[in-house]
Amino acid sequence: MAHIRHDPTSTQKGKISYNSNIVSGIVALAISEVDGVSLLNTKNKGIKLSFDKQGIIADISVKVDYSYNVPSLAFRIQQSIKHNVESMTKYKVDKVDVHIQDVNFPADSVI
């Protein structure tokens, strides 16, 4: 097993870069932490990210469960994404647009 020690007197400079798939995974994790919400089952998972000078712009498409307050869910999604991305990466989140694309109704409901 290798042991790596940090030497504070070292003058080596490094750079950490994040693949956009890593950030997408963090966003998907943040969405999964919000009750009553699920990502769309599409090829791109309902997450579109743009990297700008001001920060990340996230465009999210989700399904919500019936009986949840939609504005409250959208706000909690925005908070969760901002918190998770900013705490796990060096990036700032500039904007999160949430698009409600579908509603999951209970199986026994009649419309």
PDB file of N, CA and C in Angstrom:
ATOM      1  N   MET A   1       0.854  -1.175   0.000  1.00  0.00           N
ATOM      2  CA  MET A   1       0.000   0.000   0.000  1.00  0.00           C
ATOM      3  C   MET A   1       0.896   1.232   0.000  1.00  0.00           C
ATOM      4  N   ALA A   2       0.586   2.189  -0.834  1.00  0.00           N
ATOM      5  CA  ALA A   2       1.373   3.413  -0.931  1.00  0.00           C
ATOM      6  C   ALA A   2       0.875   4.443   0.075  1.00  0.00           C
ATOM      7  N   HIS A   3       1.796   5.157   0.651  1.00  0.00           N
ATOM      8  CA  HIS A   3       1.460   6.243   1.563  1.00  0.00           C
ATOM      9  C   HIS A   3       1.913   7.549   0.931  1.00  0.00           C
ATOM     10  N   ILE A   4       1.020   8.487   0.849  1.00  0.00           N
ATOM     11  CA  ILE A   4       1.344   9.784   0.267  1.00  0.00           C
ATOM     12  C   ILE A   4       1.301  10.810   1.381  1.00  0.00           C
ATOM     13  N   ARG A   5       2.338  11.586   1.478  1.00  0.00           N
ATOM     14  CA  ARG A   5       2.387  12.613   2.511  1.00  0.00           C
ATOM     15  C   ARG A   5       2.440  13.981   1.853  1.00  0.00           C
ATOM     16  N   HIS A   6       1.756  14.904   2.459  1.00  0.00           N
ATOM     17  CA  HIS A   6       1.738  16.278   1.966  1.00  0.00           C
ATOM     18  C   HIS A   6       2.927  17.021   2.553  1.00  0.00           C
ATOM     19  N   ASP A   7       3.715  17.635   1.699  1.00  0.00           N
ATOM     20  CA  ASP A   7       4.858  18.426   2.141  1.00  0.00           C
ATOM     21  C   ASP A   7       4.529  19.896   1.917  1.00  0.00           C
ATOM     22  N   PRO A   8       4.187  20.645   2.990  1.00  0.00           N
ATOM     23  CA  PRO A   8       3.798  22.046   2.819  1.00  0.00           C
ATOM     24  C   PRO A   8       4.924  22.935   2.303  1.00  0.00           C
ATOM     25  N   THR A   9       6.181  22.473   2.379  1.00  0.00           N
ATOM     26  CA  THR A   9       7.292  23.282   1.880  1.00  0.00           C
ATOM     27  C   THR A   9       7.547  23.035   0.398  1.00  0.00           C
ATOM     28  N   SER A  10       6.833  22.101  -0.173  1.00  0.00           N
ATOM     29  CA  SER A  10       7.018  21.782  -1.579  1.00  0.00           C
ATOM     30  C   SER A  10       6.531  22.940  -2.448  1.00  0.00           C
ATOM     31  N   THR A  11       7.253  23.203  -3.525  1.00  0.00           N
ATOM     32  CA  THR A  11       6.864  24.284  -4.436  1.00  0.00           C
ATOM     33  C   THR A  11       6.145  23.761  -5.669  1.00  0.00           C
ATOM     34  N   GLN A  12       5.803  22.502  -5.668  1.00  0.00           N
ATOM     35  CA  GLN A  12       5.109  21.941  -6.825  1.00  0.00           C
ATOM     36  C   GLN A  12       3.706  22.510  -6.898  1.00  0.00           C
ATOM     37  N   LYS A  13       3.361  22.927  -8.072  1.00  0.00           N
ATOM     38  CA  LYS A  13       2.011  23.426  -8.333  1.00  0.00           C
ATOM     39  C   LYS A  13       1.293  22.381  -9.169  1.00  0.00           C
ATOM     40  N   GLY A  14       0.050  22.237  -8.920  1.00  0.00           N
ATOM     41  CA  GLY A  14      -0.733  21.265  -9.668  1.00  0.00           C
ATOM     42  C   GLY A  14      -2.052  21.865 -10.099  1.00  0.00           C
ATOM     43  N   LYS A  15      -2.760  21.120 -10.886  1.00  0.00           N
ATOM     44  CA  LYS A  15      -4.057  21.570 -11.372  1.00  0.00           C
ATOM     45  C   LYS A  15      -5.030  20.411 -11.261  1.00  0.00           C
ATOM     46  N   ILE A  16      -6.194  20.703 -10.744  1.00  0.00           N
ATOM     47  CA  ILE A  16      -7.254  19.709 -10.670  1.00  0.00           C
ATOM     48  C   ILE A  16      -8.281  20.068 -11.727  1.00  0.00           C
ATOM     49  N   SER A  17      -8.607  19.109 -12.561  1.00  0.00           N
ATOM     50  CA  SER A  17      -9.648  19.354 -13.558  1.00  0.00           C
ATOM     51  C   SER A  17     -10.718  18.281 -13.407  1.00  0.00           C
ATOM     52  N   TYR A  18     -11.957  18.683 -13.654  1.00  0.00           N
ATOM     53  CA  TYR A  18     -13.093  17.793 -13.503  1.00  0.00           C
ATOM     54  C   TYR A  18     -13.709  17.530 -14.874  1.00  0.00           C
ATOM     55  N   ASN A  19     -13.931  16.292 -15.171  1.00  0.00           N
ATOM     56  CA  ASN A  19     -14.635  15.906 -16.373  1.00  0.00           C
ATOM     57  C   ASN A  19     -16.099  16.314 -16.198  1.00  0.00           C
ATOM     58  N   SER A  20     -16.755  16.716 -17.267  1.00  0.00           N
ATOM     59  CA  SER A  20     -18.153  17.127 -17.148  1.00  0.00           C
ATOM     60  C   SER A  20     -19.042  15.978 -16.679  1.00  0.00           C
ATOM     61  N   ASN A  21     -18.633  14.733 -16.941  1.00  0.00           N
ATOM     62  CA  ASN A  21     -19.403  13.587 -16.456  1.00  0.00           C
ATOM     63  C   ASN A  21     -19.352  13.485 -14.933  1.00  0.00           C
ATOM     64  N   ILE A  22     -18.261  13.909 -14.339  1.00  0.00           N
ATOM     65  CA  ILE A  22     -18.151  13.919 -12.879  1.00  0.00           C
ATOM     66  C   ILE A  22     -19.140  14.920 -12.302  1.00  0.00           C
ATOM     67  N   VAL A  23     -19.181  16.107 -12.875  1.00  0.00           N
ATOM     68  CA  VAL A  23     -20.104  17.142 -12.397  1.00  0.00           C
ATOM     69  C   VAL A  23     -21.550  16.695 -12.629  1.00  0.00           C
ATOM     70  N   SER A  24     -21.825  16.056 -13.768  1.00  0.00           N
ATOM     71  CA  SER A  24     -23.172  15.527 -14.022  1.00  0.00           C
ATOM     72  C   SER A  24     -23.556  14.485 -12.976  1.00  0.00           C
ATOM     73  N   GLY A  25     -22.604  13.662 -12.575  1.00  0.00           N
ATOM     74  CA  GLY A  25     -22.865  12.673 -11.535  1.00  0.00           C
ATOM     75  C   GLY A  25     -23.178  13.319 -10.202  1.00  0.00           C
ATOM     76  N   ILE A  26     -22.484  14.402  -9.890  1.00  0.00           N
ATOM     77  CA  ILE A  26     -22.744  15.134  -8.647  1.00  0.00           C
ATOM     78  C   ILE A  26     -24.130  15.754  -8.696  1.00  0.00           C
ATOM     79  N   VAL A  27     -24.515  16.295  -9.846  1.00  0.00           N
ATOM     80  CA  VAL A  27     -25.851  16.885 -10.004  1.00  0.00           C
ATOM     81  C   VAL A  27     -26.914  15.798  -9.859  1.00  0.00           C
ATOM     82  N   ALA A  28     -26.697  14.628 -10.467  1.00  0.00           N
ATOM     83  CA  ALA A  28     -27.664  13.524 -10.351  1.00  0.00           C
ATOM     84  C   ALA A  28     -27.794  13.074  -8.896  1.00  0.00           C
ATOM     85  N   LEU A  29     -26.684  13.021  -8.187  1.00  0.00           N
ATOM     86  CA  LEU A  29     -26.720  12.676  -6.763  1.00  0.00           C
ATOM     87  C   LEU A  29     -27.514  13.700  -5.969  1.00  0.00           C
ATOM     88  N   ALA A  30     -27.299  14.975  -6.281  1.00  0.00           N
ATOM     89  CA  ALA A  30     -28.021  16.047  -5.581  1.00  0.00           C
ATOM     90  C   ALA A  30     -29.523  15.938  -5.811  1.00  0.00           C
ATOM     91  N   ILE A  31     -29.929  15.601  -7.015  1.00  0.00           N
ATOM     92  CA  ILE A  31     -31.356  15.462  -7.328  1.00  0.00           C
ATOM     93  C   ILE A  31     -31.937  14.253  -6.596  1.00  0.00           C
ATOM     94  N   SER A  32     -31.175  13.180  -6.518  1.00  0.00           N
ATOM     95  CA  SER A  32     -31.681  11.974  -5.854  1.00  0.00           C
ATOM     96  C   SER A  32     -31.882  12.193  -4.355  1.00  0.00           C
ATOM     97  N   GLU A  33     -31.240  13.197  -3.787  1.00  0.00           N
ATOM     98  CA  GLU A  33     -31.388  13.498  -2.361  1.00  0.00           C
ATOM     99  C   GLU A  33     -32.686  14.232  -2.043  1.00  0.00           C
ATOM    100  N   VAL A  34     -33.393  14.715  -3.058  1.00  0.00           N
ATOM    101  CA  VAL A  34     -34.642  15.449  -2.855  1.00  0.00           C
ATOM    102  C   VAL A  34     -35.805  14.471  -2.987  1.00  0.00           C
ATOM    103  N   ASP A  35     -36.622  14.357  -1.943  1.00  0.00           N
ATOM    104  CA  ASP A  35     -37.778  13.454  -1.969  1.00  0.00           C
ATOM    105  C   ASP A  35     -38.833  13.959  -2.944  1.00  0.00           C
ATOM    106  N   GLY A  36     -39.444  13.028  -3.692  1.00  0.00           N
ATOM    107  CA  GLY A  36     -40.533  13.374  -4.595  1.00  0.00           C
ATOM    108  C   GLY A  36     -40.091  13.748  -5.989  1.00  0.00           C
ATOM    109  N   VAL A  37     -38.810  13.554  -6.306  1.00  0.00           N
ATOM    110  CA  VAL A  37     -38.265  13.959  -7.603  1.00  0.00           C
ATOM    111  C   VAL A  37     -37.441  12.814  -8.179  1.00  0.00           C
ATOM    112  N   SER A  38     -37.506  12.644  -9.498  1.00  0.00           N
ATOM    113  CA  SER A  38     -36.630  11.701 -10.176  1.00  0.00           C
ATOM    114  C   SER A  38     -36.241  12.284 -11.534  1.00  0.00           C
ATOM    115  N   LEU A  39     -35.059  11.916 -11.987  1.00  0.00           N
ATOM    116  CA  LEU A  39     -34.602  12.360 -13.298  1.00  0.00           C
ATOM    117  C   LEU A  39     -35.392  11.653 -14.388  1.00  0.00           C
ATOM    118  N   LEU A  40     -35.477  12.284 -15.529  1.00  0.00           N
ATOM    119  CA  LEU A  40     -36.112  11.641 -16.675  1.00  0.00           C
ATOM    120  C   LEU A  40     -35.266  10.457 -17.116  1.00  0.00           C
ATOM    121  N   ASN A  41     -35.901   9.411 -17.584  1.00  0.00           N
ATOM    122  CA  ASN A  41     -35.181   8.237 -18.070  1.00  0.00           C
ATOM    123  C   ASN A  41     -34.845   8.415 -19.540  1.00  0.00           C
ATOM    124  N   THR A  42     -33.974   9.363 -19.807  1.00  0.00           N
ATOM    125  CA  THR A  42     -33.566   9.634 -21.182  1.00  0.00           C
ATOM    126  C   THR A  42     -32.090   9.336 -21.341  1.00  0.00           C
ATOM    127  N   LYS A  43     -31.631   9.396 -22.556  1.00  0.00           N
ATOM    128  CA  LYS A  43     -30.238   9.084 -22.851  1.00  0.00           C
ATOM    129  C   LYS A  43     -29.268  10.016 -22.119  1.00  0.00           C
ATOM    130  N   ASN A  44     -29.591  11.308 -22.068  1.00  0.00           N
ATOM    131  CA  ASN A  44     -28.686  12.252 -21.415  1.00  0.00           C
ATOM    132  C   ASN A  44     -29.082  12.517 -19.963  1.00  0.00           C
ATOM    133  N   LYS A  45     -29.990  11.730 -19.430  1.00  0.00           N
ATOM    134  CA  LYS A  45     -30.401  11.767 -18.024  1.00  0.00           C
ATOM    135  C   LYS A  45     -31.058  13.065 -17.586  1.00  0.00           C
ATOM    136  N   GLY A  46     -31.450  13.915 -18.505  1.00  0.00           N
ATOM    137  CA  GLY A  46     -32.140  15.143 -18.126  1.00  0.00           C
ATOM    138  C   GLY A  46     -31.254  16.213 -17.519  1.00  0.00           C
ATOM    139  N   ILE A  47     -29.957  16.099 -17.716  1.00  0.00           N
ATOM    140  CA  ILE A  47     -29.007  17.079 -17.165  1.00  0.00           C
ATOM    141  C   ILE A  47     -28.206  17.675 -18.313  1.00  0.00           C
ATOM    142  N   LYS A  48     -28.255  18.998 -18.431  1.00  0.00           N
ATOM    143  CA  LYS A  48     -27.411  19.709 -19.394  1.00  0.00           C
ATOM    144  C   LYS A  48     -26.618  20.743 -18.611  1.00  0.00           C
ATOM    145  N   LEU A  49     -25.306  20.725 -18.775  1.00  0.00           N
ATOM    146  CA  LEU A  49     -24.443  21.659 -18.065  1.00  0.00           C
ATOM    147  C   LEU A  49     -23.692  22.548 -19.042  1.00  0.00           C
ATOM    148  N   SER A  50     -23.574  23.816 -18.672  1.00  0.00           N
ATOM    149  CA  SER A  50     -22.749  24.765 -19.420  1.00  0.00           C
ATOM    150  C   SER A  50     -21.778  25.385 -18.438  1.00  0.00           C
ATOM    151  N   PHE A  51     -20.533  25.495 -18.862  1.00  0.00           N
ATOM    152  CA  PHE A  51     -19.518  26.092 -18.015  1.00  0.00           C
ATOM    153  C   PHE A  51     -19.242  27.502 -18.511  1.00  0.00           C
ATOM    154  N   ASP A  52     -19.447  28.484 -17.645  1.00  0.00           N
ATOM    155  CA  ASP A  52     -19.323  29.889 -17.987  1.00  0.00           C
ATOM    156  C   ASP A  52     -18.330  30.539 -17.029  1.00  0.00           C
ATOM    157  N   LYS A  53     -17.927  31.773 -17.306  1.00  0.00           N
ATOM    158  CA  LYS A  53     -17.001  32.481 -16.415  1.00  0.00           C
ATOM    159  C   LYS A  53     -17.601  32.713 -15.033  1.00  0.00           C
ATOM    160  N   GLN A  54     -18.917  32.928 -14.971  1.00  0.00           N
ATOM    161  CA  GLN A  54     -19.583  33.174 -13.692  1.00  0.00           C
ATOM    162  C   GLN A  54     -19.822  31.877 -12.928  1.00  0.00           C
ATOM    163  N   GLY A  55     -19.794  30.742 -13.594  1.00  0.00           N
ATOM    164  CA  GLY A  55     -20.019  29.460 -12.947  1.00  0.00           C
ATOM    165  C   GLY A  55     -20.771  28.512 -13.855  1.00  0.00           C
ATOM    166  N   ILE A  56     -21.251  27.455 -13.257  1.00  0.00           N
ATOM    167  CA  ILE A  56     -21.974  26.429 -14.004  1.00  0.00           C
ATOM    168  C   ILE A  56     -23.432  26.839 -14.155  1.00  0.00           C
ATOM    169  N   ILE A  57     -23.957  26.618 -15.348  1.00  0.00           N
ATOM    170  CA  ILE A  57     -25.382  26.796 -15.603  1.00  0.00           C
ATOM    171  C   ILE A  57     -25.943  25.397 -15.839  1.00  0.00           C
ATOM    172  N   ALA A  58     -26.869  24.993 -14.970  1.00  0.00           N
ATOM    173  CA  ALA A  58     -27.447  23.655 -15.052  1.00  0.00           C
ATOM    174  C   ALA A  58     -28.877  23.756 -15.558  1.00  0.00           C
ATOM    175  N   ASP A  59     -29.213  22.921 -16.519  1.00  0.00           N
ATOM    176  CA  ASP A  59     -30.551  22.838 -17.083  1.00  0.00           C
ATOM    177  C   ASP A  59     -31.051  21.425 -16.783  1.00  0.00           C
ATOM    178  N   ILE A  60     -32.015  21.311 -15.870  1.00  0.00           N
ATOM    179  CA  ILE A  60     -32.423  20.037 -15.319  1.00  0.00           C
ATOM    180  C   ILE A  60     -33.866  19.726 -15.710  1.00  0.00           C
ATOM    181  N   SER A  61     -34.119  18.510 -16.178  1.00  0.00           N
ATOM    182  CA  SER A  61     -35.479  18.055 -16.495  1.00  0.00           C
ATOM    183  C   SER A  61     -35.808  16.879 -15.576  1.00  0.00           C
ATOM    184  N   VAL A  62     -36.922  16.999 -14.848  1.00  0.00           N
ATOM    185  CA  VAL A  62     -37.271  15.992 -13.845  1.00  0.00           C
ATOM    186  C   VAL A  62     -38.746  15.611 -13.907  1.00  0.00           C
ATOM    187  N   LYS A  63     -39.050  14.504 -13.228  1.00  0.00           N
ATOM    188  CA  LYS A  63     -40.428  14.090 -12.968  1.00  0.00           C
ATOM    189  C   LYS A  63     -40.667  14.280 -11.474  1.00  0.00           C
ATOM    190  N   VAL A  64     -41.874  14.707 -11.130  1.00  0.00           N
ATOM    191  CA  VAL A  64     -42.205  14.874  -9.717  1.00  0.00           C
ATOM    192  C   VAL A  64     -43.326  13.916  -9.350  1.00  0.00           C
ATOM    193  N   ASP A  65     -43.361  13.544  -8.085  1.00  0.00           N
ATOM    194  CA  ASP A  65     -44.430  12.683  -7.593  1.00  0.00           C
ATOM    195  C   ASP A  65     -45.669  13.519  -7.305  1.00  0.00           C
ATOM    196  N   TYR A  66     -46.808  12.904  -7.532  1.00  0.00           N
ATOM    197  CA  TYR A  66     -48.085  13.547  -7.278  1.00  0.00           C
ATOM    198  C   TYR A  66     -48.187  13.932  -5.802  1.00  0.00           C
ATOM    199  N   SER A  67     -48.799  15.045  -5.534  1.00  0.00           N
ATOM    200  CA  SER A  67     -49.095  15.600  -4.201  1.00  0.00           C
ATOM    201  C   SER A  67     -47.952  16.422  -3.611  1.00  0.00           C
ATOM    202  N   TYR A  68     -46.832  16.547  -4.309  1.00  0.00           N
ATOM    203  CA  TYR A  68     -45.751  17.406  -3.830  1.00  0.00           C
ATOM    204  C   TYR A  68     -45.949  18.818  -4.375  1.00  0.00           C
ATOM    205  N   ASN A  69     -45.533  19.795  -3.619  1.00  0.00           N
ATOM    206  CA  ASN A  69     -45.602  21.196  -4.023  1.00  0.00           C
ATOM    207  C   ASN A  69     -44.478  21.466  -5.026  1.00  0.00           C
ATOM    208  N   VAL A  70     -44.831  21.772  -6.258  1.00  0.00           N
ATOM    209  CA  VAL A  70     -43.845  21.907  -7.336  1.00  0.00           C
ATOM    210  C   VAL A  70     -42.865  23.060  -7.103  1.00  0.00           C
ATOM    211  N   PRO A  71     -43.314  24.281  -6.757  1.00  0.00           N
ATOM    212  CA  PRO A  71     -42.335  25.346  -6.518  1.00  0.00           C
ATOM    213  C   PRO A  71     -41.360  25.018  -5.378  1.00  0.00           C
ATOM    214  N   SER A  72     -41.856  24.367  -4.347  1.00  0.00           N
ATOM    215  CA  SER A  72     -40.992  23.978  -3.234  1.00  0.00           C
ATOM    216  C   SER A  72     -39.962  22.940  -3.679  1.00  0.00           C
ATOM    217  N   LEU A  73     -40.393  21.963  -4.476  1.00  0.00           N
ATOM    218  CA  LEU A  73     -39.464  20.955  -4.988  1.00  0.00           C
ATOM    219  C   LEU A  73     -38.391  21.584  -5.867  1.00  0.00           C
ATOM    220  N   ALA A  74     -38.799  22.481  -6.749  1.00  0.00           N
ATOM    221  CA  ALA A  74     -37.834  23.131  -7.648  1.00  0.00           C
ATOM    222  C   ALA A  74     -36.795  23.907  -6.850  1.00  0.00           C
ATOM    223  N   PHE A  75     -37.232  24.596  -5.800  1.00  0.00           N
ATOM    224  CA  PHE A  75     -36.300  25.352  -4.961  1.00  0.00           C
ATOM    225  C   PHE A  75     -35.343  24.415  -4.226  1.00  0.00           C
ATOM    226  N   ARG A  76     -35.854  23.296  -3.718  1.00  0.00           N
ATOM    227  CA  ARG A  76     -34.992  22.339  -3.011  1.00  0.00           C
ATOM    228  C   ARG A  76     -33.991  21.689  -3.967  1.00  0.00           C
ATOM    229  N   ILE A  77     -34.415  21.444  -5.212  1.00  0.00           N
ATOM    230  CA  ILE A  77     -33.486  20.916  -6.217  1.00  0.00           C
ATOM    231  C   ILE A  77     -32.358  21.913  -6.455  1.00  0.00           C
ATOM    232  N   GLN A  78     -32.711  23.180  -6.630  1.00  0.00           N
ATOM    233  CA  GLN A  78     -31.701  24.216  -6.853  1.00  0.00           C
ATOM    234  C   GLN A  78     -30.722  24.295  -5.682  1.00  0.00           C
ATOM    235  N   GLN A  79     -31.243  24.273  -4.464  1.00  0.00           N
ATOM    236  CA  GLN A  79     -30.378  24.340  -3.281  1.00  0.00           C
ATOM    237  C   GLN A  79     -29.454  23.128  -3.201  1.00  0.00           C
ATOM    238  N   SER A  80     -30.007  21.948  -3.445  1.00  0.00           N
ATOM    239  CA  SER A  80     -29.218  20.724  -3.351  1.00  0.00           C
ATOM    240  C   SER A  80     -28.097  20.697  -4.389  1.00  0.00           C
ATOM    241  N   ILE A  81     -28.406  21.089  -5.613  1.00  0.00           N
ATOM    242  CA  ILE A  81     -27.391  21.105  -6.670  1.00  0.00           C
ATOM    243  C   ILE A  81     -26.298  22.116  -6.329  1.00  0.00           C
ATOM    244  N   LYS A  82     -26.681  23.303  -5.936  1.00  0.00           N
ATOM    245  CA  LYS A  82     -25.703  24.345  -5.600  1.00  0.00           C
ATOM    246  C   LYS A  82     -24.793  23.877  -4.460  1.00  0.00           C
ATOM    247  N   HIS A  83     -25.384  23.341  -3.411  1.00  0.00           N
ATOM    248  CA  HIS A  83     -24.597  22.895  -2.259  1.00  0.00           C
ATOM    249  C   HIS A  83     -23.631  21.779  -2.639  1.00  0.00           C
ATOM    250  N   ASN A  84     -24.135  20.742  -3.323  1.00  0.00           N
ATOM    251  CA  ASN A  84     -23.292  19.591  -3.649  1.00  0.00           C
ATOM    252  C   ASN A  84     -22.171  19.935  -4.617  1.00  0.00           C
ATOM    253  N   VAL A  85     -22.486  20.662  -5.676  1.00  0.00           N
ATOM    254  CA  VAL A  85     -21.447  20.994  -6.664  1.00  0.00           C
ATOM    255  C   VAL A  85     -20.371  21.889  -6.037  1.00  0.00           C
ATOM    256  N   GLU A  86     -20.798  22.895  -5.293  1.00  0.00           N
ATOM    257  CA  GLU A  86     -19.819  23.828  -4.726  1.00  0.00           C
ATOM    258  C   GLU A  86     -19.002  23.207  -3.594  1.00  0.00           C
ATOM    259  N   SER A  87     -19.557  22.226  -2.886  1.00  0.00           N
ATOM    260  CA  SER A  87     -18.792  21.605  -1.812  1.00  0.00           C
ATOM    261  C   SER A  87     -17.875  20.486  -2.312  1.00  0.00           C
ATOM    262  N   MET A  88     -18.191  19.902  -3.473  1.00  0.00           N
ATOM    263  CA  MET A  88     -17.389  18.788  -3.985  1.00  0.00           C
ATOM    264  C   MET A  88     -16.413  19.189  -5.083  1.00  0.00           C
ATOM    265  N   THR A  89     -16.579  20.372  -5.653  1.00  0.00           N
ATOM    266  CA  THR A  89     -15.692  20.811  -6.734  1.00  0.00           C
ATOM    267  C   THR A  89     -15.242  22.243  -6.465  1.00  0.00           C
ATOM    268  N   LYS A  90     -14.401  22.746  -7.351  1.00  0.00           N
ATOM    269  CA  LYS A  90     -13.946  24.135  -7.251  1.00  0.00           C
ATOM    270  C   LYS A  90     -14.910  25.101  -7.936  1.00  0.00           C
ATOM    271  N   TYR A  91     -15.924  24.573  -8.606  1.00  0.00           N
ATOM    272  CA  TYR A  91     -16.832  25.397  -9.394  1.00  0.00           C
ATOM    273  C   TYR A  91     -17.894  26.073  -8.534  1.00  0.00           C
ATOM    274  N   LYS A  92     -18.363  27.205  -9.017  1.00  0.00           N
ATOM    275  CA  LYS A  92     -19.520  27.894  -8.451  1.00  0.00           C
ATOM    276  C   LYS A  92     -20.698  27.631  -9.374  1.00  0.00           C
ATOM    277  N   VAL A  93     -21.892  27.611  -8.802  1.00  0.00           N
ATOM    278  CA  VAL A  93     -23.107  27.422  -9.601  1.00  0.00           C
ATOM    279  C   VAL A  93     -23.732  28.787  -9.813  1.00  0.00           C
ATOM    280  N   ASP A  94     -23.845  29.176 -11.069  1.00  0.00           N
ATOM    281  CA  ASP A  94     -24.413  30.480 -11.408  1.00  0.00           C
ATOM    282  C   ASP A  94     -25.930  30.412 -11.483  1.00  0.00           C
ATOM    283  N   LYS A  95     -26.451  29.350 -12.112  1.00  0.00           N
ATOM    284  CA  LYS A  95     -27.898  29.270 -12.326  1.00  0.00           C
ATOM    285  C   LYS A  95     -28.316  27.818 -12.478  1.00  0.00           C
ATOM    286  N   VAL A  96     -29.487  27.498 -11.912  1.00  0.00           N
ATOM    287  CA  VAL A  96     -30.076  26.170 -12.078  1.00  0.00           C
ATOM    288  C   VAL A  96     -31.507  26.361 -12.577  1.00  0.00           C
ATOM    289  N   ASP A  97     -31.761  25.934 -13.805  1.00  0.00           N
ATOM    290  CA  ASP A  97     -33.108  25.977 -14.375  1.00  0.00           C
ATOM    291  C   ASP A  97     -33.719  24.593 -14.228  1.00  0.00           C
ATOM    292  N   VAL A  98     -34.880  24.522 -13.574  1.00  0.00           N
ATOM    293  CA  VAL A  98     -35.549  23.248 -13.345  1.00  0.00           C
ATOM    294  C   VAL A  98     -36.792  23.186 -14.230  1.00  0.00           C
ATOM    295  N   HIS A  99     -36.885  22.130 -15.028  1.00  0.00           N
ATOM    296  CA  HIS A  99     -38.030  21.918 -15.908  1.00  0.00           C
ATOM    297  C   HIS A  99     -38.779  20.678 -15.428  1.00  0.00           C
ATOM    298  N   ILE A 100     -40.032  20.860 -15.033  1.00  0.00           N
ATOM    299  CA  ILE A 100     -40.866  19.730 -14.633  1.00  0.00           C
ATOM    300  C   ILE A 100     -41.485  19.160 -15.905  1.00  0.00           C
ATOM    301  N   GLN A 101     -41.091  17.958 -16.273  1.00  0.00           N
ATOM    302  CA  GLN A 101     -41.516  17.368 -17.537  1.00  0.00           C
ATOM    303  C   GLN A 101     -42.653  16.369 -17.382  1.00  0.00           C
ATOM    304  N   ASP A 102     -42.839  15.830 -16.175  1.00  0.00           N
ATOM    305  CA  ASP A 102     -43.833  14.787 -16.010  1.00  0.00           C
ATOM    306  C   ASP A 102     -44.208  14.689 -14.535  1.00  0.00           C
ATOM    307  N   VAL A 103     -45.352  14.062 -14.270  1.00  0.00           N
ATOM    308  CA  VAL A 103     -45.818  13.825 -12.910  1.00  0.00           C
ATOM    309  C   VAL A 103     -46.061  12.334 -12.752  1.00  0.00           C
ATOM    310  N   ASN A 104     -45.530  11.757 -11.686  1.00  0.00           N
ATOM    311  CA  ASN A 104     -45.773  10.350 -11.366  1.00  0.00           C
ATOM    312  C   ASN A 104     -47.036  10.271 -10.513  1.00  0.00           C
ATOM    313  N   PHE A 105     -48.075   9.657 -11.070  1.00  0.00           N
ATOM    314  CA  PHE A 105     -49.316   9.473 -10.322  1.00  0.00           C
ATOM    315  C   PHE A 105     -49.305   8.100  -9.665  1.00  0.00           C
ATOM    316  N   PRO A 106     -49.974   7.970  -8.513  1.00  0.00           N
ATOM    317  CA  PRO A 106     -50.069   6.638  -7.882  1.00  0.00           C
ATOM    318  C   PRO A 106     -50.838   5.684  -8.799  1.00  0.00           C
ATOM    319  N   ALA A 107     -50.520   4.419  -8.705  1.00  0.00           N
ATOM    320  CA  ALA A 107     -51.127   3.420  -9.589  1.00  0.00           C
ATOM    321  C   ALA A 107     -52.631   3.295  -9.380  1.00  0.00           C
ATOM    322  N   ASP A 108     -53.125   3.575  -8.178  1.00  0.00           N
ATOM    323  CA  ASP A 108     -54.551   3.402  -7.902  1.00  0.00           C
ATOM    324  C   ASP A 108     -55.369   4.664  -8.128  1.00  0.00           C
ATOM    325  N   SER A 109     -54.757   5.726  -8.653  1.00  0.00           N
ATOM    326  CA  SER A 109     -55.509   6.968  -8.874  1.00  0.00           C
ATOM    327  C   SER A 109     -56.263   6.926 -10.198  1.00  0.00           C
ATOM    328  N   VAL A 110     -57.376   7.606 -10.230  1.00  0.00           N
ATOM    329  CA  VAL A 110     -58.178   7.694 -11.453  1.00  0.00           C
ATOM    330  C   VAL A 110     -58.179   9.148 -11.905  1.00  0.00           C
ATOM    331  N   ILE A 111     -57.833   9.366 -13.151  1.00  0.00           N
ATOM    332  CA  ILE A 111     -57.776  10.730 -13.671  1.00  0.00           C
ATOM    333  C   ILE A 111     -58.972  10.991 -14.543  1.00  0.00           C
TER     334      ILE A 111
END
